[in-house]
Amino acid sequence: MSTQPRIEQLPGKKLIGMYLRMTLAENRTADLWRTFMPRRREIIHAVGTDLYSIQDYNRGWAPQSFTPHTPFNRWATAEVSDISNIPAGMESFQLEGLYAVFLHHGPPSAFMPTFRRIFHEWLPASAYVLDDRPHFEILGAKYKHDHPDSEEEVWIPIRPKE
């Protein structure tokens, strides 16, 4: 993981996909993507080939209180230019705001050390605090699922410290 993120103001990004409510202890991510991937071609107005894995936590969520039993909604989505014609069983989602963008190298199973570095090292020492908005990863051309050479962008919502 790159320890110094780039800071990016994300303009409104429209997405269409599906979600499941889960915890890390009862992780249903594979089920979500197994359902979404065969249907992603039903999405009209798709922009590019990148996929977005979104974690939508409950309002007031704090990383210090996160446990394997903390519930959240995980989304599997694709970016679109227009949210009309949403396929049955899918919903629209919008992302925007200020984000710290980290690069994670390795499979998803190796993400916990990256999580700790972001939330226990970088964030407390930065000029930012965590904002109460969705977190997400962009699964682009270099994403290779469980391969050790896999690469994904990790977007963490932030706002300046007061």
N, C-alpha and C. Protein backbone atom coordinates (compact mmCIF):
# COMPACT_ATOMS: atom_id res chain seq x y z
N MET A 1 0.84 -1.18 0.00
CA MET A 1 0.00 0.00 0.00
C MET A 1 0.88 1.24 0.00
N SER A 2 0.52 2.19 -0.82
CA SER A 2 1.18 3.48 -0.79
C SER A 2 0.78 4.18 0.50
N THR A 3 1.76 4.64 1.28
CA THR A 3 1.42 5.24 2.57
C THR A 3 0.94 6.68 2.43
N GLN A 4 1.30 7.37 1.38
CA GLN A 4 0.82 8.73 1.16
C GLN A 4 -0.22 8.72 0.04
N PRO A 5 -1.45 9.05 0.38
CA PRO A 5 -2.49 9.03 -0.64
C PRO A 5 -2.47 10.30 -1.48
N ARG A 6 -3.20 10.25 -2.57
CA ARG A 6 -3.50 11.49 -3.27
C ARG A 6 -4.86 11.94 -2.73
N ILE A 7 -5.05 13.24 -2.64
CA ILE A 7 -6.31 13.79 -2.16
C ILE A 7 -7.09 14.25 -3.39
N GLU A 8 -8.32 13.79 -3.49
CA GLU A 8 -9.09 14.06 -4.69
C GLU A 8 -10.52 14.48 -4.36
N GLN A 9 -10.96 15.57 -5.00
CA GLN A 9 -12.36 16.00 -4.91
C GLN A 9 -13.12 15.29 -6.02
N LEU A 10 -13.98 14.37 -5.64
CA LEU A 10 -14.72 13.57 -6.61
C LEU A 10 -16.03 14.27 -6.96
N PRO A 11 -16.19 14.67 -8.23
CA PRO A 11 -17.50 15.23 -8.61
C PRO A 11 -18.52 14.11 -8.61
N GLY A 12 -19.76 14.43 -8.70
CA GLY A 12 -20.80 13.40 -8.68
C GLY A 12 -20.54 12.28 -9.68
N LYS A 13 -20.50 11.07 -9.17
CA LYS A 13 -20.28 9.88 -10.01
C LYS A 13 -21.53 9.01 -9.88
N LYS A 14 -22.17 8.72 -11.01
CA LYS A 14 -23.39 7.90 -11.02
C LYS A 14 -23.02 6.44 -11.22
N LEU A 15 -23.66 5.59 -10.44
CA LEU A 15 -23.38 4.16 -10.51
C LEU A 15 -24.70 3.39 -10.49
N ILE A 16 -24.66 2.20 -11.04
CA ILE A 16 -25.80 1.28 -10.95
C ILE A 16 -25.25 -0.08 -10.56
N GLY A 17 -25.96 -0.73 -9.64
CA GLY A 17 -25.54 -2.05 -9.21
C GLY A 17 -26.50 -2.64 -8.20
N MET A 18 -25.95 -3.51 -7.38
CA MET A 18 -26.76 -4.18 -6.35
C MET A 18 -25.95 -4.28 -5.08
N TYR A 19 -26.67 -4.51 -3.97
CA TYR A 19 -25.98 -4.60 -2.68
C TYR A 19 -26.53 -5.73 -1.83
N LEU A 20 -25.72 -6.10 -0.85
CA LEU A 20 -26.13 -7.04 0.19
C LEU A 20 -25.72 -6.47 1.54
N ARG A 21 -26.55 -6.67 2.54
CA ARG A 21 -26.22 -6.32 3.93
C ARG A 21 -25.37 -7.46 4.47
N MET A 22 -24.25 -7.14 5.12
CA MET A 22 -23.34 -8.18 5.61
C MET A 22 -22.47 -7.66 6.73
N THR A 23 -21.67 -8.54 7.29
CA THR A 23 -20.59 -8.22 8.21
C THR A 23 -19.35 -8.94 7.68
N LEU A 24 -18.19 -8.60 8.22
CA LEU A 24 -17.00 -9.35 7.81
C LEU A 24 -17.06 -10.78 8.33
N ALA A 25 -17.68 -10.98 9.49
CA ALA A 25 -17.81 -12.33 10.05
C ALA A 25 -18.72 -13.20 9.17
N GLU A 26 -19.73 -12.58 8.58
CA GLU A 26 -20.63 -13.27 7.65
C GLU A 26 -20.51 -12.58 6.29
N ASN A 27 -19.33 -12.67 5.74
CA ASN A 27 -18.98 -11.97 4.51
C ASN A 27 -19.65 -12.63 3.31
N ARG A 28 -20.48 -11.85 2.61
CA ARG A 28 -21.21 -12.37 1.45
C ARG A 28 -20.75 -11.69 0.16
N THR A 29 -19.53 -11.14 0.20
CA THR A 29 -19.01 -10.41 -0.97
C THR A 29 -18.97 -11.29 -2.21
N ALA A 30 -18.50 -12.51 -2.07
CA ALA A 30 -18.42 -13.41 -3.23
C ALA A 30 -19.81 -13.67 -3.82
N ASP A 31 -20.81 -13.84 -2.96
CA ASP A 31 -22.19 -14.03 -3.44
C ASP A 31 -22.66 -12.81 -4.21
N LEU A 32 -22.36 -11.62 -3.69
CA LEU A 32 -22.78 -10.38 -4.34
C LEU A 32 -22.18 -10.28 -5.74
N TRP A 33 -20.87 -10.48 -5.85
CA TRP A 33 -20.21 -10.35 -7.15
C TRP A 33 -20.62 -11.48 -8.10
N ARG A 34 -20.86 -12.68 -7.57
CA ARG A 34 -21.33 -13.80 -8.42
C ARG A 34 -22.70 -13.47 -9.03
N THR A 35 -23.52 -12.73 -8.28
CA THR A 35 -24.83 -12.34 -8.80
C THR A 35 -24.72 -11.17 -9.77
N PHE A 36 -23.86 -10.20 -9.44
CA PHE A 36 -23.75 -8.99 -10.24
C PHE A 36 -23.04 -9.21 -11.59
N MET A 37 -21.92 -9.91 -11.58
CA MET A 37 -21.08 -9.99 -12.79
C MET A 37 -21.82 -10.50 -14.04
N PRO A 38 -22.61 -11.57 -13.95
CA PRO A 38 -23.30 -12.02 -15.17
C PRO A 38 -24.36 -11.01 -15.65
N ARG A 39 -24.80 -10.12 -14.76
CA ARG A 39 -25.86 -9.17 -15.13
C ARG A 39 -25.35 -7.78 -15.48
N ARG A 40 -24.06 -7.53 -15.32
CA ARG A 40 -23.56 -6.16 -15.52
C ARG A 40 -23.77 -5.67 -16.95
N ARG A 41 -23.86 -6.59 -17.90
CA ARG A 41 -24.07 -6.18 -19.29
C ARG A 41 -25.49 -5.65 -19.53
N GLU A 42 -26.37 -5.85 -18.55
CA GLU A 42 -27.73 -5.29 -18.65
C GLU A 42 -27.73 -3.78 -18.38
N ILE A 43 -26.65 -3.28 -17.83
CA ILE A 43 -26.58 -1.85 -17.47
C ILE A 43 -26.34 -1.03 -18.73
N ILE A 44 -27.30 -0.18 -19.02
CA ILE A 44 -27.21 0.70 -20.19
C ILE A 44 -26.46 1.96 -19.79
N HIS A 45 -25.76 2.56 -20.71
CA HIS A 45 -25.01 3.81 -20.49
C HIS A 45 -23.78 3.60 -19.61
N ALA A 46 -23.19 2.40 -19.61
CA ALA A 46 -21.99 2.16 -18.82
C ALA A 46 -20.83 3.03 -19.32
N VAL A 47 -20.01 3.48 -18.37
CA VAL A 47 -18.84 4.32 -18.67
C VAL A 47 -17.60 3.50 -18.31
N GLY A 48 -16.81 3.11 -19.29
CA GLY A 48 -15.59 2.36 -19.02
C GLY A 48 -15.85 0.95 -18.55
N THR A 49 -14.77 0.30 -18.10
CA THR A 49 -14.87 -1.11 -17.65
C THR A 49 -14.58 -1.27 -16.16
N ASP A 50 -14.19 -0.18 -15.47
CA ASP A 50 -13.90 -0.29 -14.03
C ASP A 50 -15.16 -0.66 -13.27
N LEU A 51 -14.97 -1.44 -12.20
CA LEU A 51 -16.05 -1.79 -11.30
C LEU A 51 -15.79 -1.12 -9.96
N TYR A 52 -16.85 -0.87 -9.21
CA TYR A 52 -16.76 -0.17 -7.94
C TYR A 52 -17.35 -1.05 -6.84
N SER A 53 -16.53 -1.31 -5.83
CA SER A 53 -16.96 -2.05 -4.64
C SER A 53 -17.14 -1.01 -3.55
N ILE A 54 -18.38 -0.81 -3.10
CA ILE A 54 -18.71 0.27 -2.16
C ILE A 54 -19.11 -0.32 -0.81
N GLN A 55 -18.60 0.30 0.26
CA GLN A 55 -19.02 -0.04 1.61
C GLN A 55 -19.79 1.15 2.16
N ASP A 56 -21.06 0.95 2.43
CA ASP A 56 -21.92 2.00 2.96
C ASP A 56 -22.22 1.64 4.42
N TYR A 57 -21.50 2.31 5.32
CA TYR A 57 -21.62 2.03 6.75
C TYR A 57 -22.76 2.82 7.35
N ASN A 58 -23.20 2.41 8.53
CA ASN A 58 -24.24 3.14 9.23
C ASN A 58 -23.75 4.54 9.57
N ARG A 59 -24.65 5.51 9.64
CA ARG A 59 -24.29 6.87 10.01
C ARG A 59 -23.63 6.86 11.39
N GLY A 60 -22.58 7.66 11.53
CA GLY A 60 -21.88 7.73 12.81
C GLY A 60 -20.85 6.64 13.00
N TRP A 61 -20.59 5.85 11.97
CA TRP A 61 -19.62 4.76 12.05
C TRP A 61 -18.23 5.31 12.36
N ALA A 62 -17.50 4.61 13.21
CA ALA A 62 -16.12 5.00 13.54
C ALA A 62 -15.22 3.78 13.37
N PRO A 63 -14.06 3.95 12.70
CA PRO A 63 -13.19 2.80 12.48
C PRO A 63 -12.69 2.17 13.77
N GLN A 64 -12.60 2.95 14.85
CA GLN A 64 -12.13 2.40 16.12
C GLN A 64 -13.11 1.38 16.70
N SER A 65 -14.39 1.53 16.35
CA SER A 65 -15.40 0.61 16.88
C SER A 65 -15.75 -0.50 15.89
N PHE A 66 -15.06 -0.52 14.75
CA PHE A 66 -15.34 -1.54 13.73
C PHE A 66 -14.88 -2.91 14.22
N THR A 67 -15.77 -3.88 14.13
CA THR A 67 -15.45 -5.26 14.49
C THR A 67 -15.88 -6.16 13.33
N PRO A 68 -15.51 -7.42 13.35
CA PRO A 68 -15.98 -8.33 12.30
C PRO A 68 -17.51 -8.49 12.28
N HIS A 69 -18.19 -7.98 13.33
CA HIS A 69 -19.64 -8.12 13.41
C HIS A 69 -20.38 -6.81 13.13
N THR A 70 -19.66 -5.79 12.68
CA THR A 70 -20.29 -4.51 12.33
C THR A 70 -21.02 -4.65 10.99
N PRO A 71 -22.34 -4.41 10.97
CA PRO A 71 -23.08 -4.55 9.70
C PRO A 71 -22.89 -3.36 8.78
N PHE A 72 -22.91 -3.63 7.49
CA PHE A 72 -22.81 -2.58 6.47
C PHE A 72 -23.41 -3.11 5.17
N ASN A 73 -23.67 -2.21 4.24
CA ASN A 73 -24.12 -2.60 2.90
C ASN A 73 -22.92 -2.57 1.98
N ARG A 74 -22.68 -3.67 1.29
CA ARG A 74 -21.63 -3.72 0.27
C ARG A 74 -22.31 -3.73 -1.09
N TRP A 75 -21.85 -2.84 -1.94
CA TRP A 75 -22.38 -2.69 -3.29
C TRP A 75 -21.39 -3.20 -4.32
N ALA A 76 -21.90 -3.77 -5.39
CA ALA A 76 -21.14 -4.10 -6.60
C ALA A 76 -21.76 -3.23 -7.69
N THR A 77 -20.96 -2.31 -8.27
CA THR A 77 -21.53 -1.35 -9.20
C THR A 77 -20.64 -1.09 -10.40
N ALA A 78 -21.24 -0.44 -11.39
CA ALA A 78 -20.53 0.06 -12.57
C ALA A 78 -20.93 1.51 -12.75
N GLU A 79 -19.99 2.32 -13.25
CA GLU A 79 -20.29 3.74 -13.50
C GLU A 79 -21.14 3.87 -14.75
N VAL A 80 -22.07 4.85 -14.72
CA VAL A 80 -22.94 5.12 -15.86
C VAL A 80 -23.01 6.62 -16.12
N SER A 81 -23.39 6.98 -17.33
CA SER A 81 -23.57 8.39 -17.67
C SER A 81 -24.99 8.85 -17.39
N ASP A 82 -25.90 7.90 -17.22
CA ASP A 82 -27.31 8.22 -17.04
C ASP A 82 -27.93 7.09 -16.20
N ILE A 83 -28.75 7.48 -15.20
CA ILE A 83 -29.33 6.44 -14.34
C ILE A 83 -30.75 6.05 -14.74
N SER A 84 -31.12 6.36 -15.98
CA SER A 84 -32.41 5.87 -16.45
C SER A 84 -32.24 4.41 -16.86
N ASN A 85 -33.33 3.71 -16.97
CA ASN A 85 -33.32 2.30 -17.38
C ASN A 85 -32.50 1.41 -16.44
N ILE A 86 -32.79 1.48 -15.15
CA ILE A 86 -32.10 0.64 -14.17
C ILE A 86 -32.67 -0.78 -14.27
N PRO A 87 -31.81 -1.78 -14.48
CA PRO A 87 -32.31 -3.16 -14.60
C PRO A 87 -33.04 -3.61 -13.32
N ALA A 88 -33.99 -4.50 -13.48
CA ALA A 88 -34.73 -5.05 -12.34
C ALA A 88 -33.75 -5.68 -11.35
N GLY A 89 -33.96 -5.43 -10.08
CA GLY A 89 -33.09 -5.99 -9.04
C GLY A 89 -31.84 -5.17 -8.79
N MET A 90 -31.68 -4.06 -9.50
CA MET A 90 -30.54 -3.17 -9.29
C MET A 90 -31.04 -1.81 -8.83
N GLU A 91 -30.12 -1.00 -8.32
CA GLU A 91 -30.45 0.35 -7.86
C GLU A 91 -29.33 1.29 -8.26
N SER A 92 -29.64 2.60 -8.20
CA SER A 92 -28.62 3.60 -8.50
C SER A 92 -27.95 4.03 -7.20
N PHE A 93 -26.75 4.57 -7.34
CA PHE A 93 -25.97 5.04 -6.20
C PHE A 93 -25.13 6.20 -6.71
N GLN A 94 -24.89 7.19 -5.85
CA GLN A 94 -24.05 8.31 -6.26
C GLN A 94 -22.94 8.52 -5.24
N LEU A 95 -21.73 8.78 -5.75
CA LEU A 95 -20.57 9.09 -4.92
C LEU A 95 -20.10 10.50 -5.26
N GLU A 96 -19.68 11.24 -4.23
CA GLU A 96 -19.08 12.55 -4.45
C GLU A 96 -18.40 13.00 -3.17
N GLY A 97 -17.54 13.99 -3.29
CA GLY A 97 -16.90 14.58 -2.12
C GLY A 97 -15.40 14.40 -2.12
N LEU A 98 -14.79 14.80 -1.01
CA LEU A 98 -13.34 14.76 -0.83
C LEU A 98 -12.91 13.37 -0.35
N TYR A 99 -11.88 12.82 -1.01
CA TYR A 99 -11.41 11.47 -0.69
C TYR A 99 -9.88 11.43 -0.62
N ALA A 100 -9.37 10.55 0.24
CA ALA A 100 -7.96 10.16 0.23
C ALA A 100 -7.91 8.85 -0.55
N VAL A 101 -7.04 8.80 -1.54
CA VAL A 101 -6.99 7.64 -2.44
C VAL A 101 -5.67 6.90 -2.24
N PHE A 102 -5.76 5.67 -1.79
CA PHE A 102 -4.60 4.81 -1.54
C PHE A 102 -4.55 3.72 -2.59
N LEU A 103 -3.38 3.19 -2.82
CA LEU A 103 -3.21 2.06 -3.73
C LEU A 103 -2.93 0.83 -2.88
N HIS A 104 -3.78 -0.19 -3.02
CA HIS A 104 -3.59 -1.46 -2.29
C HIS A 104 -3.05 -2.49 -3.27
N HIS A 105 -1.92 -3.12 -2.90
CA HIS A 105 -1.34 -4.20 -3.69
C HIS A 105 -1.60 -5.51 -2.96
N GLY A 106 -2.07 -6.51 -3.69
CA GLY A 106 -2.30 -7.82 -3.11
C GLY A 106 -3.77 -8.19 -3.14
N PRO A 107 -4.08 -9.39 -2.71
CA PRO A 107 -5.46 -9.87 -2.73
C PRO A 107 -6.30 -9.21 -1.63
N PRO A 108 -7.62 -9.26 -1.75
CA PRO A 108 -8.48 -8.70 -0.71
C PRO A 108 -8.22 -9.31 0.67
N SER A 109 -7.80 -10.56 0.72
CA SER A 109 -7.54 -11.21 2.00
C SER A 109 -6.39 -10.55 2.77
N ALA A 110 -5.56 -9.77 2.07
CA ALA A 110 -4.42 -9.07 2.70
C ALA A 110 -4.75 -7.61 2.99
N PHE A 111 -6.04 -7.27 3.06
CA PHE A 111 -6.44 -5.87 3.22
C PHE A 111 -6.35 -5.37 4.66
N MET A 112 -6.43 -6.22 5.67
CA MET A 112 -6.48 -5.75 7.05
C MET A 112 -5.25 -4.91 7.43
N PRO A 113 -4.03 -5.28 7.06
CA PRO A 113 -2.90 -4.39 7.35
C PRO A 113 -3.03 -3.02 6.66
N THR A 114 -3.57 -3.00 5.47
CA THR A 114 -3.81 -1.73 4.77
C THR A 114 -4.82 -0.90 5.54
N PHE A 115 -5.89 -1.52 5.99
CA PHE A 115 -6.92 -0.85 6.80
C PHE A 115 -6.28 -0.21 8.03
N ARG A 116 -5.45 -0.97 8.73
CA ARG A 116 -4.81 -0.45 9.95
C ARG A 116 -3.90 0.74 9.64
N ARG A 117 -3.12 0.64 8.56
CA ARG A 117 -2.23 1.76 8.21
C ARG A 117 -3.02 3.01 7.86
N ILE A 118 -4.12 2.84 7.16
CA ILE A 118 -4.93 4.01 6.80
C ILE A 118 -5.54 4.64 8.05
N PHE A 119 -6.24 3.85 8.84
CA PHE A 119 -7.04 4.39 9.94
C PHE A 119 -6.30 4.58 11.26
N HIS A 120 -5.23 3.85 11.47
CA HIS A 120 -4.50 3.97 12.74
C HIS A 120 -3.20 4.73 12.61
N GLU A 121 -2.69 4.88 11.39
CA GLU A 121 -1.43 5.61 11.19
C GLU A 121 -1.64 6.87 10.37
N TRP A 122 -2.06 6.74 9.10
CA TRP A 122 -2.15 7.91 8.24
C TRP A 122 -3.20 8.91 8.72
N LEU A 123 -4.43 8.46 8.93
CA LEU A 123 -5.52 9.38 9.24
C LEU A 123 -5.26 10.19 10.51
N PRO A 124 -4.86 9.59 11.64
CA PRO A 124 -4.62 10.40 12.85
C PRO A 124 -3.51 11.44 12.67
N ALA A 125 -2.52 11.15 11.83
CA ALA A 125 -1.39 12.07 11.62
C ALA A 125 -1.66 13.10 10.52
N SER A 126 -2.77 12.95 9.80
CA SER A 126 -3.06 13.82 8.65
C SER A 126 -3.78 15.09 9.09
N ALA A 127 -4.06 15.93 8.13
CA ALA A 127 -4.82 17.16 8.36
C ALA A 127 -6.32 16.93 8.13
N TYR A 128 -6.73 15.64 8.14
CA TYR A 128 -8.11 15.28 7.82
C TYR A 128 -8.71 14.39 8.90
N VAL A 129 -10.04 14.34 8.88
CA VAL A 129 -10.79 13.38 9.69
C VAL A 129 -11.68 12.58 8.75
N LEU A 130 -12.12 11.44 9.21
CA LEU A 130 -13.01 10.60 8.42
C LEU A 130 -14.36 11.28 8.27
N ASP A 131 -14.88 11.29 7.06
CA ASP A 131 -16.21 11.85 6.82
C ASP A 131 -17.22 10.71 6.78
N ASP A 132 -18.47 11.06 7.05
CA ASP A 132 -19.53 10.07 7.16
C ASP A 132 -20.20 9.85 5.80
N ARG A 133 -19.44 9.26 4.88
CA ARG A 133 -19.90 8.94 3.53
C ARG A 133 -19.38 7.57 3.15
N PRO A 134 -19.85 7.02 2.06
CA PRO A 134 -19.39 5.68 1.65
C PRO A 134 -17.89 5.63 1.33
N HIS A 135 -17.31 4.48 1.60
CA HIS A 135 -15.93 4.13 1.22
C HIS A 135 -16.06 3.26 -0.03
N PHE A 136 -15.03 3.26 -0.88
CA PHE A 136 -15.13 2.38 -2.04
C PHE A 136 -13.75 2.04 -2.60
N GLU A 137 -13.74 1.01 -3.43
CA GLU A 137 -12.55 0.60 -4.16
C GLU A 137 -12.89 0.59 -5.65
N ILE A 138 -11.92 1.02 -6.44
CA ILE A 138 -12.06 0.90 -7.88
C ILE A 138 -11.27 -0.32 -8.32
N LEU A 139 -11.98 -1.24 -8.95
CA LEU A 139 -11.39 -2.48 -9.44
C LEU A 139 -11.17 -2.29 -10.94
N GLY A 140 -9.98 -1.83 -11.29
CA GLY A 140 -9.66 -1.51 -12.68
C GLY A 140 -8.91 -2.61 -13.38
N ALA A 141 -8.19 -2.25 -14.41
CA ALA A 141 -7.48 -3.21 -15.26
C ALA A 141 -6.43 -4.01 -14.50
N LYS A 142 -5.84 -3.45 -13.45
CA LYS A 142 -4.79 -4.14 -12.68
C LYS A 142 -5.35 -4.99 -11.54
N TYR A 143 -6.67 -4.99 -11.37
CA TYR A 143 -7.28 -5.82 -10.34
C TYR A 143 -7.33 -7.26 -10.83
N LYS A 144 -6.77 -8.18 -10.03
CA LYS A 144 -6.70 -9.59 -10.43
C LYS A 144 -7.26 -10.52 -9.37
N HIS A 145 -8.26 -10.07 -8.64
CA HIS A 145 -8.96 -10.83 -7.61
C HIS A 145 -8.00 -11.32 -6.54
N ASP A 146 -7.75 -12.61 -6.43
CA ASP A 146 -6.94 -13.17 -5.35
C ASP A 146 -5.45 -13.26 -5.67
N HIS A 147 -5.02 -12.70 -6.76
CA HIS A 147 -3.61 -12.78 -7.16
C HIS A 147 -2.76 -11.83 -6.32
N PRO A 148 -1.55 -12.23 -5.92
CA PRO A 148 -0.70 -11.36 -5.11
C PRO A 148 -0.26 -10.07 -5.83
N ASP A 149 -0.33 -10.05 -7.16
CA ASP A 149 0.03 -8.84 -7.91
C ASP A 149 -1.18 -7.93 -8.19
N SER A 150 -2.31 -8.26 -7.61
CA SER A 150 -3.51 -7.46 -7.82
C SER A 150 -3.32 -6.05 -7.27
N GLU A 151 -4.02 -5.10 -7.88
CA GLU A 151 -3.92 -3.69 -7.47
C GLU A 151 -5.30 -3.05 -7.56
N GLU A 152 -5.64 -2.28 -6.54
CA GLU A 152 -6.91 -1.55 -6.55
C GLU A 152 -6.75 -0.23 -5.83
N GLU A 153 -7.57 0.74 -6.20
CA GLU A 153 -7.58 2.03 -5.52
C GLU A 153 -8.59 1.98 -4.38
N VAL A 154 -8.18 2.46 -3.21
CA VAL A 154 -9.02 2.49 -2.02
C VAL A 154 -9.33 3.96 -1.73
N TRP A 155 -10.61 4.32 -1.79
CA TRP A 155 -11.06 5.69 -1.62
C TRP A 155 -11.72 5.84 -0.24
N ILE A 156 -11.14 6.70 0.59
CA ILE A 156 -11.61 6.92 1.96
C ILE A 156 -12.18 8.33 2.06
N PRO A 157 -13.44 8.48 2.50
CA PRO A 157 -14.04 9.82 2.58
C PRO A 157 -13.43 10.63 3.73
N ILE A 158 -13.01 11.86 3.41
CA ILE A 158 -12.37 12.70 4.41
C ILE A 158 -12.93 14.12 4.36
N ARG A 159 -12.63 14.88 5.41
CA ARG A 159 -12.88 16.32 5.45
C ARG A 159 -11.77 16.93 6.29
N PRO A 160 -11.46 18.21 6.06
CA PRO A 160 -10.38 18.84 6.83
C PRO A 160 -10.69 18.87 8.33
N LYS A 161 -9.65 18.73 9.15
CA LYS A 161 -9.82 18.89 10.60
C LYS A 161 -10.21 20.32 10.89
N GLU A 162 -11.03 20.50 11.88
CA GLU A 162 -11.45 21.87 12.24
C GLU A 162 -10.51 22.47 13.25
